[in-house]
PDB file of N, CA and C in Angstrom:
ATOM      1  N   MET A   1     160.441   0.916  -0.344  1.00  0.00           N
ATOM      2  CA  MET A   1     160.870   2.041   0.467  1.00  0.00           C
ATOM      3  C   MET A   1     161.688   1.504   1.643  1.00  0.00           C
ATOM      4  N   PRO A   2     162.850   2.112   1.895  1.00  0.00           N
ATOM      5  CA  PRO A   2     163.704   1.592   2.970  1.00  0.00           C
ATOM      6  C   PRO A   2     163.104   1.866   4.335  1.00  0.00           C
ATOM      7  N   ASP A   3     163.541   1.069   5.286  1.00  0.00           N
ATOM      8  CA  ASP A   3     163.063   1.209   6.657  1.00  0.00           C
ATOM      9  C   ASP A   3     163.650   2.481   7.263  1.00  0.00           C
ATOM     10  N   MET A   4     162.785   3.416   7.682  1.00  0.00           N
ATOM     11  CA  MET A   4     163.236   4.705   8.202  1.00  0.00           C
ATOM     12  C   MET A   4     163.828   4.575   9.602  1.00  0.00           C
ATOM     13  N   SER A   5     163.394   3.588  10.380  1.00  0.00           N
ATOM     14  CA  SER A   5     163.902   3.467  11.742  1.00  0.00           C
ATOM     15  C   SER A   5     165.382   3.098  11.744  1.00  0.00           C
ATOM     16  N   ALA A   6     165.822   2.353  10.745  1.00  0.00           N
ATOM     17  CA  ALA A   6     167.234   1.989  10.667  1.00  0.00           C
ATOM     18  C   ALA A   6     168.086   3.219  10.394  1.00  0.00           C
ATOM     19  N   SER A   7     167.638   4.093   9.500  1.00  0.00           N
ATOM     20  CA  SER A   7     168.422   5.291   9.195  1.00  0.00           C
ATOM     21  C   SER A   7     168.406   6.265  10.363  1.00  0.00           C
ATOM     22  N   VAL A   8     167.302   6.324  11.093  1.00  0.00           N
ATOM     23  CA  VAL A   8     167.237   7.203  12.259  1.00  0.00           C
ATOM     24  C   VAL A   8     168.172   6.705  13.346  1.00  0.00           C
ATOM     25  N   SER A   9     168.195   5.402  13.577  1.00  0.00           N
ATOM     26  CA  SER A   9     169.079   4.865  14.610  1.00  0.00           C
ATOM     27  C   SER A   9     170.546   5.022  14.210  1.00  0.00           C
ATOM     28  N   LEU A  10     170.840   4.905  12.924  1.00  0.00           N
ATOM     29  CA  LEU A  10     172.204   5.114  12.456  1.00  0.00           C
ATOM     30  C   LEU A  10     172.628   6.565  12.658  1.00  0.00           C
ATOM     31  N   ALA A  11     171.724   7.501  12.361  1.00  0.00           N
ATOM     32  CA  ALA A  11     172.034   8.920  12.561  1.00  0.00           C
ATOM     33  C   ALA A  11     172.232   9.223  14.039  1.00  0.00           C
ATOM     34  N   MET A  12     171.410   8.624  14.891  1.00  0.00           N
ATOM     35  CA  MET A  12     171.536   8.862  16.328  1.00  0.00           C
ATOM     36  C   MET A  12     172.862   8.337  16.867  1.00  0.00           C
ATOM     37  N   THR A  13     173.330   7.202  16.354  1.00  0.00           N
ATOM     38  CA  THR A  13     174.600   6.650  16.835  1.00  0.00           C
ATOM     39  C   THR A  13     175.771   7.540  16.446  1.00  0.00           C
ATOM     40  N   HIS A  14     175.629   8.286  15.339  1.00  0.00           N
ATOM     41  CA  HIS A  14     176.695   9.206  14.947  1.00  0.00           C
ATOM     42  C   HIS A  14     176.598  10.532  15.678  1.00  0.00           C
ATOM     43  N   LEU A  15     175.393  10.961  16.054  1.00  0.00           N
ATOM     44  CA  LEU A  15     175.215  12.263  16.689  1.00  0.00           C
ATOM     45  C   LEU A  15     175.392  12.223  18.204  1.00  0.00           C
ATOM     46  N   VAL A  16     175.080  11.126  18.825  1.00  0.00           N
ATOM     47  CA  VAL A  16     175.180  11.032  20.287  1.00  0.00           C
ATOM     48  C   VAL A  16     176.611  11.224  20.772  1.00  0.00           C
ATOM     49  N   PRO A  17     177.635  10.629  20.138  1.00  0.00           N
ATOM     50  CA  PRO A  17     179.001  10.891  20.614  1.00  0.00           C
ATOM     51  C   PRO A  17     179.390  12.362  20.515  1.00  0.00           C
ATOM     52  N   LEU A  18     178.852  13.089  19.542  1.00  0.00           N
ATOM     53  CA  LEU A  18     179.147  14.518  19.447  1.00  0.00           C
ATOM     54  C   LEU A  18     178.592  15.264  20.646  1.00  0.00           C
ATOM     55  N   ALA A  19     177.431  14.851  21.117  1.00  0.00           N
ATOM     56  CA  ALA A  19     176.827  15.507  22.269  1.00  0.00           C
ATOM     57  C   ALA A  19     177.537  15.119  23.563  1.00  0.00           C
ATOM     58  N   LYS A  20     178.216  13.987  23.616  1.00  0.00           N
ATOM     59  CA  LYS A  20     178.898  13.529  24.835  1.00  0.00           C
ATOM     60  C   LYS A  20     180.222  14.251  25.066  1.00  0.00           C
ATOM     61  N   GLU A  21     180.744  14.985  24.053  1.00  0.00           N
ATOM     62  CA  GLU A  21     182.008  15.691  24.210  1.00  0.00           C
ATOM     63  C   GLU A  21     181.880  16.910  25.115  1.00  0.00           C
ATOM     64  N   VAL A  22     180.661  17.360  25.387  1.00  0.00           N
ATOM     65  CA  VAL A  22     180.424  18.538  26.213  1.00  0.00           C
ATOM     66  C   VAL A  22     180.622  18.163  27.682  1.00  0.00           C
ATOM     67  N   ASP A  23     181.029  19.146  28.479  1.00  0.00           N
ATOM     68  CA  ASP A  23     181.216  18.934  29.915  1.00  0.00           C
ATOM     69  C   ASP A  23     179.919  18.431  30.536  1.00  0.00           C
ATOM     70  N   GLU A  24     180.003  17.397  31.346  1.00  0.00           N
ATOM     71  CA  GLU A  24     178.821  16.774  31.950  1.00  0.00           C
ATOM     72  C   GLU A  24     178.137  17.680  32.965  1.00  0.00           C
ATOM     73  N   ASN A  25     178.821  18.691  33.507  1.00  0.00           N
ATOM     74  CA  ASN A  25     178.241  19.575  34.515  1.00  0.00           C
ATOM     75  C   ASN A  25     177.434  20.719  33.898  1.00  0.00           C
ATOM     76  N   LYS A  26     177.509  20.881  32.603  1.00  0.00           N
ATOM     77  CA  LYS A  26     176.769  21.944  31.913  1.00  0.00           C
ATOM     78  C   LYS A  26     175.554  21.343  31.217  1.00  0.00           C
ATOM     79  N   VAL A  27     174.488  22.112  31.210  1.00  0.00           N
ATOM     80  CA  VAL A  27     173.281  21.684  30.493  1.00  0.00           C
ATOM     81  C   VAL A  27     173.182  22.527  29.231  1.00  0.00           C
ATOM     82  N   THR A  28     173.371  21.892  28.087  1.00  0.00           N
ATOM     83  CA  THR A  28     173.298  22.586  26.804  1.00  0.00           C
ATOM     84  C   THR A  28     172.471  21.748  25.834  1.00  0.00           C
ATOM     85  N   PRO A  29     171.871  22.388  24.831  1.00  0.00           N
ATOM     86  CA  PRO A  29     171.098  21.619  23.855  1.00  0.00           C
ATOM     87  C   PRO A  29     171.992  20.763  22.966  1.00  0.00           C
ATOM     88  N   GLY A  30     173.210  21.174  22.734  1.00  0.00           N
ATOM     89  CA  GLY A  30     174.145  20.379  21.949  1.00  0.00           C
ATOM     90  C   GLY A  30     173.869  20.405  20.461  1.00  0.00           C
ATOM     91  N   VAL A  31     174.580  19.568  19.768  1.00  0.00           N
ATOM     92  CA  VAL A  31     174.481  19.498  18.310  1.00  0.00           C
ATOM     93  C   VAL A  31     173.109  18.980  17.884  1.00  0.00           C
ATOM     94  N   LEU A  32     172.614  17.982  18.581  1.00  0.00           N
ATOM     95  CA  LEU A  32     171.317  17.417  18.232  1.00  0.00           C
ATOM     96  C   LEU A  32     170.202  18.466  18.394  1.00  0.00           C
ATOM     97  N   GLY A  33     170.280  19.276  19.441  1.00  0.00           N
ATOM     98  CA  GLY A  33     169.301  20.346  19.627  1.00  0.00           C
ATOM     99  C   GLY A  33     169.363  21.369  18.506  1.00  0.00           C
ATOM    100  N   PHE A  34     170.579  21.703  18.069  1.00  0.00           N
ATOM    101  CA  PHE A  34     170.725  22.647  16.961  1.00  0.00           C
ATOM    102  C   PHE A  34     170.150  22.074  15.673  1.00  0.00           C
ATOM    103  N   ILE A  35     170.394  20.786  15.419  1.00  0.00           N
ATOM    104  CA  ILE A  35     169.887  20.164  14.197  1.00  0.00           C
ATOM    105  C   ILE A  35     168.359  20.143  14.198  1.00  0.00           C
ATOM    106  N   VAL A  36     167.762  19.837  15.335  1.00  0.00           N
ATOM    107  CA  VAL A  36     166.296  19.836  15.438  1.00  0.00           C
ATOM    108  C   VAL A  36     165.749  21.244  15.227  1.00  0.00           C
ATOM    109  N   PHE A  37     166.382  22.242  15.845  1.00  0.00           N
ATOM    110  CA  PHE A  37     165.939  23.630  15.695  1.00  0.00           C
ATOM    111  C   PHE A  37     166.080  24.088  14.243  1.00  0.00           C
ATOM    112  N   ALA A  38     167.189  23.748  13.594  1.00  0.00           N
ATOM    113  CA  ALA A  38     167.398  24.142  12.200  1.00  0.00           C
ATOM    114  C   ALA A  38     166.364  23.477  11.286  1.00  0.00           C
ATOM    115  N   ALA A  39     166.039  22.210  11.554  1.00  0.00           N
ATOM    116  CA  ALA A  39     165.030  21.525  10.735  1.00  0.00           C
ATOM    117  C   ALA A  39     163.661  22.175  10.907  1.00  0.00           C
ATOM    118  N   MET A  40     163.323  22.557  12.148  1.00  0.00           N
ATOM    119  CA  MET A  40     162.036  23.231  12.382  1.00  0.00           C
ATOM    120  C   MET A  40     162.012  24.599  11.704  1.00  0.00           C
ATOM    121  N   ALA A  41     163.130  25.313  11.736  1.00  0.00           N
ATOM    122  CA  ALA A  41     163.194  26.620  11.084  1.00  0.00           C
ATOM    123  C   ALA A  41     163.019  26.481   9.576  1.00  0.00           C
ATOM    124  N   LEU A  42     163.647  25.476   8.986  1.00  0.00           N
ATOM    125  CA  LEU A  42     163.477  25.247   7.546  1.00  0.00           C
ATOM    126  C   LEU A  42     162.038  24.866   7.206  1.00  0.00           C
ATOM    127  N   ALA A  43     161.402  24.090   8.058  1.00  0.00           N
ATOM    128  CA  ALA A  43     160.010  23.705   7.817  1.00  0.00           C
ATOM    129  C   ALA A  43     159.090  24.923   7.886  1.00  0.00           C
ATOM    130  N   VAL A  44     159.298  25.796   8.859  1.00  0.00           N
ATOM    131  CA  VAL A  44     158.474  27.007   8.976  1.00  0.00           C
ATOM    132  C   VAL A  44     158.708  27.918   7.787  1.00  0.00           C
ATOM    133  N   TRP A  45     159.958  28.057   7.360  1.00  0.00           N
ATOM    134  CA  TRP A  45     160.269  28.891   6.199  1.00  0.00           C
ATOM    135  C   TRP A  45     159.556  28.349   4.957  1.00  0.00           C
ATOM    136  N   GLY A  46     159.591  27.038   4.768  1.00  0.00           N
ATOM    137  CA  GLY A  46     158.918  26.432   3.621  1.00  0.00           C
ATOM    138  C   GLY A  46     157.410  26.618   3.672  1.00  0.00           C
ATOM    139  N   LEU A  47     156.829  26.476   4.861  1.00  0.00           N
ATOM    140  CA  LEU A  47     155.383  26.685   5.003  1.00  0.00           C
ATOM    141  C   LEU A  47     154.998  28.132   4.733  1.00  0.00           C
ATOM    142  N   MET A  48     155.799  29.086   5.197  1.00  0.00           N
ATOM    143  CA  MET A  48     155.503  30.496   4.949  1.00  0.00           C
ATOM    144  C   MET A  48     155.615  30.823   3.458  1.00  0.00           C
ATOM    145  N   LYS A  49     156.602  30.255   2.801  1.00  0.00           N
ATOM    146  CA  LYS A  49     156.767  30.488   1.372  1.00  0.00           C
ATOM    147  C   LYS A  49     155.577  29.908   0.597  1.00  0.00           C
ATOM    148  N   SER A  50     155.131  28.720   0.987  1.00  0.00           N
ATOM    149  CA  SER A  50     153.986  28.100   0.335  1.00  0.00           C
ATOM    150  C   SER A  50     152.708  28.900   0.586  1.00  0.00           C
ATOM    151  N   MET A  51     152.528  29.361   1.835  1.00  0.00           N
ATOM    152  CA  MET A  51     151.344  30.150   2.151  1.00  0.00           C
ATOM    153  C   MET A  51     151.329  31.451   1.352  1.00  0.00           C
ATOM    154  N   SER A  52     152.479  32.079   1.215  1.00  0.00           N
ATOM    155  CA  SER A  52     152.555  33.317   0.452  1.00  0.00           C
ATOM    156  C   SER A  52     152.186  33.076  -1.010  1.00  0.00           C
ATOM    157  N   LYS A  53     152.651  31.967  -1.579  1.00  0.00           N
ATOM    158  CA  LYS A  53     152.324  31.653  -2.968  1.00  0.00           C
ATOM    159  C   LYS A  53     150.827  31.407  -3.133  1.00  0.00           C
ATOM    160  N   HIS A  54     150.217  30.680  -2.189  1.00  0.00           N
ATOM    161  CA  HIS A  54     148.785  30.406  -2.271  1.00  0.00           C
ATOM    162  C   HIS A  54     147.957  31.676  -2.059  1.00  0.00           C
ATOM    163  N   MET A  55     148.390  32.551  -1.161  1.00  0.00           N
ATOM    164  CA  MET A  55     147.641  33.795  -0.932  1.00  0.00           C
ATOM    165  C   MET A  55     147.729  34.726  -2.132  1.00  0.00           C
ATOM    166  N   ASN A  56     148.834  34.695  -2.870  1.00  0.00           N
ATOM    167  CA  ASN A  56     148.949  35.529  -4.059  1.00  0.00           C
ATOM    168  C   ASN A  56     148.035  35.046  -5.186  1.00  0.00           C
ATOM    169  N   ARG A  57     147.649  33.779  -5.164  1.00  0.00           N
ATOM    170  CA  ARG A  57     146.752  33.251  -6.192  1.00  0.00           C
ATOM    171  C   ARG A  57     145.288  33.616  -5.952  1.00  0.00           C
ATOM    172  N   VAL A  58     144.948  34.053  -4.749  1.00  0.00           N
ATOM    173  CA  VAL A  58     143.559  34.360  -4.417  1.00  0.00           C
ATOM    174  C   VAL A  58     143.174  35.683  -5.071  1.00  0.00           C
ATOM    175  N   ASP A  59     142.010  35.709  -5.726  1.00  0.00           N
ATOM    176  CA  ASP A  59     141.506  36.912  -6.376  1.00  0.00           C
ATOM    177  C   ASP A  59     140.377  37.471  -5.525  1.00  0.00           C
ATOM    178  N   PHE A  60     140.604  38.637  -4.929  1.00  0.00           N
ATOM    179  CA  PHE A  60     139.617  39.229  -4.038  1.00  0.00           C
ATOM    180  C   PHE A  60     138.624  40.139  -4.765  1.00  0.00           C
ATOM    181  N   LYS A  61     138.785  40.351  -6.054  1.00  0.00           N
ATOM    182  CA  LYS A  61     137.895  41.240  -6.799  1.00  0.00           C
ATOM    183  C   LYS A  61     136.603  40.515  -7.134  1.00  0.00           C
ATOM    184  N   GLU A  62     135.462  41.204  -6.934  1.00  0.00           N
ATOM    185  CA  GLU A  62     134.169  40.631  -7.296  1.00  0.00           C
ATOM    186  C   GLU A  62     133.847  40.993  -8.732  1.00  0.00           C
ATOM    187  N   PRO A  63     133.155  40.122  -9.435  1.00  0.00           N
ATOM    188  CA  PRO A  63     132.723  40.473 -10.804  1.00  0.00           C
ATOM    189  C   PRO A  63     131.780  41.676 -10.762  1.00  0.00           C
ATOM    190  N   ALA A  64     131.789  42.477 -11.822  1.00  0.00           N
ATOM    191  CA  ALA A  64     130.996  43.708 -11.861  1.00  0.00           C
ATOM    192  C   ALA A  64     129.499  43.412 -11.780  1.00  0.00           C
ATOM    193  N   GLY A  65     129.023  42.354 -12.400  1.00  0.00           N
ATOM    194  CA  GLY A  65     127.602  42.025 -12.415  1.00  0.00           C
ATOM    195  C   GLY A  65     127.081  41.635 -11.045  1.00  0.00           C
ATOM    196  N   SER A  66     127.839  40.924 -10.263  1.00  0.00           N
ATOM    197  CA  SER A  66     127.341  40.450  -8.975  1.00  0.00           C
ATOM    198  C   SER A  66     127.291  41.576  -7.949  1.00  0.00           C
ATOM    199  N   SER A  67     128.200  42.552  -8.023  1.00  0.00           N
ATOM    200  CA  SER A  67     128.166  43.653  -7.059  1.00  0.00           C
ATOM    201  C   SER A  67     126.985  44.578  -7.333  1.00  0.00           C
ATOM    202  N   ALA A  68     126.642  44.766  -8.605  1.00  0.00           N
ATOM    203  CA  ALA A  68     125.496  45.607  -8.949  1.00  0.00           C
ATOM    204  C   ALA A  68     124.195  44.926  -8.529  1.00  0.00           C
ATOM    205  N   ALA A  69     124.112  43.624  -8.684  1.00  0.00           N
ATOM    206  CA  ALA A  69     122.898  42.895  -8.314  1.00  0.00           C
ATOM    207  C   ALA A  69     122.725  42.896  -6.799  1.00  0.00           C
ATOM    208  N   SER A  70     123.805  42.741  -6.055  1.00  0.00           N
ATOM    209  CA  SER A  70     123.673  42.738  -4.598  1.00  0.00           C
ATOM    210  C   SER A  70     123.363  44.132  -4.072  1.00  0.00           C
ATOM    211  N   ALA A  71     123.870  45.183  -4.720  1.00  0.00           N
ATOM    212  CA  ALA A  71     123.583  46.548  -4.284  1.00  0.00           C
ATOM    213  C   ALA A  71     122.115  46.891  -4.537  1.00  0.00           C
ATOM    214  N   SER A  72     121.550  46.449  -5.661  1.00  0.00           N
ATOM    215  CA  SER A  72     120.150  46.759  -5.958  1.00  0.00           C
ATOM    216  C   SER A  72     119.221  45.998  -5.016  1.00  0.00           C
ATOM    217  N   SER A  73     119.589  44.794  -4.617  1.00  0.00           N
ATOM    218  CA  SER A  73     118.726  44.041  -3.709  1.00  0.00           C
ATOM    219  C   SER A  73     118.791  44.624  -2.294  1.00  0.00           C
ATOM    220  N   GLU A  74     119.920  45.230  -1.918  1.00  0.00           N
ATOM    221  CA  GLU A  74     120.025  45.839  -0.593  1.00  0.00           C
ATOM    222  C   GLU A  74     119.259  47.163  -0.534  1.00  0.00           C
ATOM    223  N   ASP A  75     119.197  47.899  -1.653  1.00  0.00           N
ATOM    224  CA  ASP A  75     118.530  49.195  -1.665  1.00  0.00           C
ATOM    225  C   ASP A  75     117.010  49.065  -1.722  1.00  0.00           C
ATOM    226  N   ALA A  76     116.498  47.974  -2.230  1.00  0.00           N
ATOM    227  CA  ALA A  76     115.053  47.795  -2.356  1.00  0.00           C
ATOM    228  C   ALA A  76     114.421  47.583  -0.990  1.00  0.00           C
ATOM    229  N   PRO A  77     113.326  48.314  -0.691  1.00  0.00           N
ATOM    230  CA  PRO A  77     112.678  48.114   0.601  1.00  0.00           C
ATOM    231  C   PRO A  77     111.953  46.771   0.632  1.00  0.00           C
ATOM    232  N   GLU A  78     111.876  46.206   1.826  1.00  0.00           N
ATOM    233  CA  GLU A  78     111.190  44.915   1.955  1.00  0.00           C
ATOM    234  C   GLU A  78     109.678  45.140   1.944  1.00  0.00           C
ATOM    235  N   LYS A  79     108.962  44.231   1.315  1.00  0.00           N
ATOM    236  CA  LYS A  79     107.507  44.315   1.264  1.00  0.00           C
ATOM    237  C   LYS A  79     106.942  43.704   2.526  1.00  0.00           C
ATOM    238  N   PRO A  80     105.972  44.363   3.138  1.00  0.00           N
ATOM    239  CA  PRO A  80     105.376  43.777   4.332  1.00  0.00           C
ATOM    240  C   PRO A  80     104.556  42.531   3.972  1.00  0.00           C
ATOM    241  N   ALA A  81     104.566  41.559   4.834  1.00  0.00           N
ATOM    242  CA  ALA A  81     103.846  40.318   4.590  1.00  0.00           C
ATOM    243  C   ALA A  81     102.354  40.524   4.851  1.00  0.00           C
ATOM    244  N   LYS A  82     101.549  39.996   3.961  1.00  0.00           N
ATOM    245  CA  LYS A  82     100.111  40.092   4.156  1.00  0.00           C
ATOM    246  C   LYS A  82      99.646  38.891   4.933  1.00  0.00           C
ATOM    247  N   GLY A  83      98.759  39.116   5.845  1.00  0.00           N
ATOM    248  CA  GLY A  83      98.327  37.927   6.527  1.00  0.00           C
ATOM    249  C   GLY A  83      97.398  38.162   7.562  1.00  0.00           C
TER     250      GLY A  83
END
């Protein structure tokens, strides 16, 4: 696997001059800020899409036998303890 720090430093050397073209008296996020924001937006979109797929796989229906058994146990009165 290639060294990731080398590719990050190479990308930074290409992006920093783009950010230096802006007037020094203005404070702006620049190209690098836009790229970071776009990457975060894509990550959130991907997470939401994945969450939606996983939530659609969940089955909220209870089996017929278990609901009848739980209803009968709730309707039965409790027996007083002897002692």
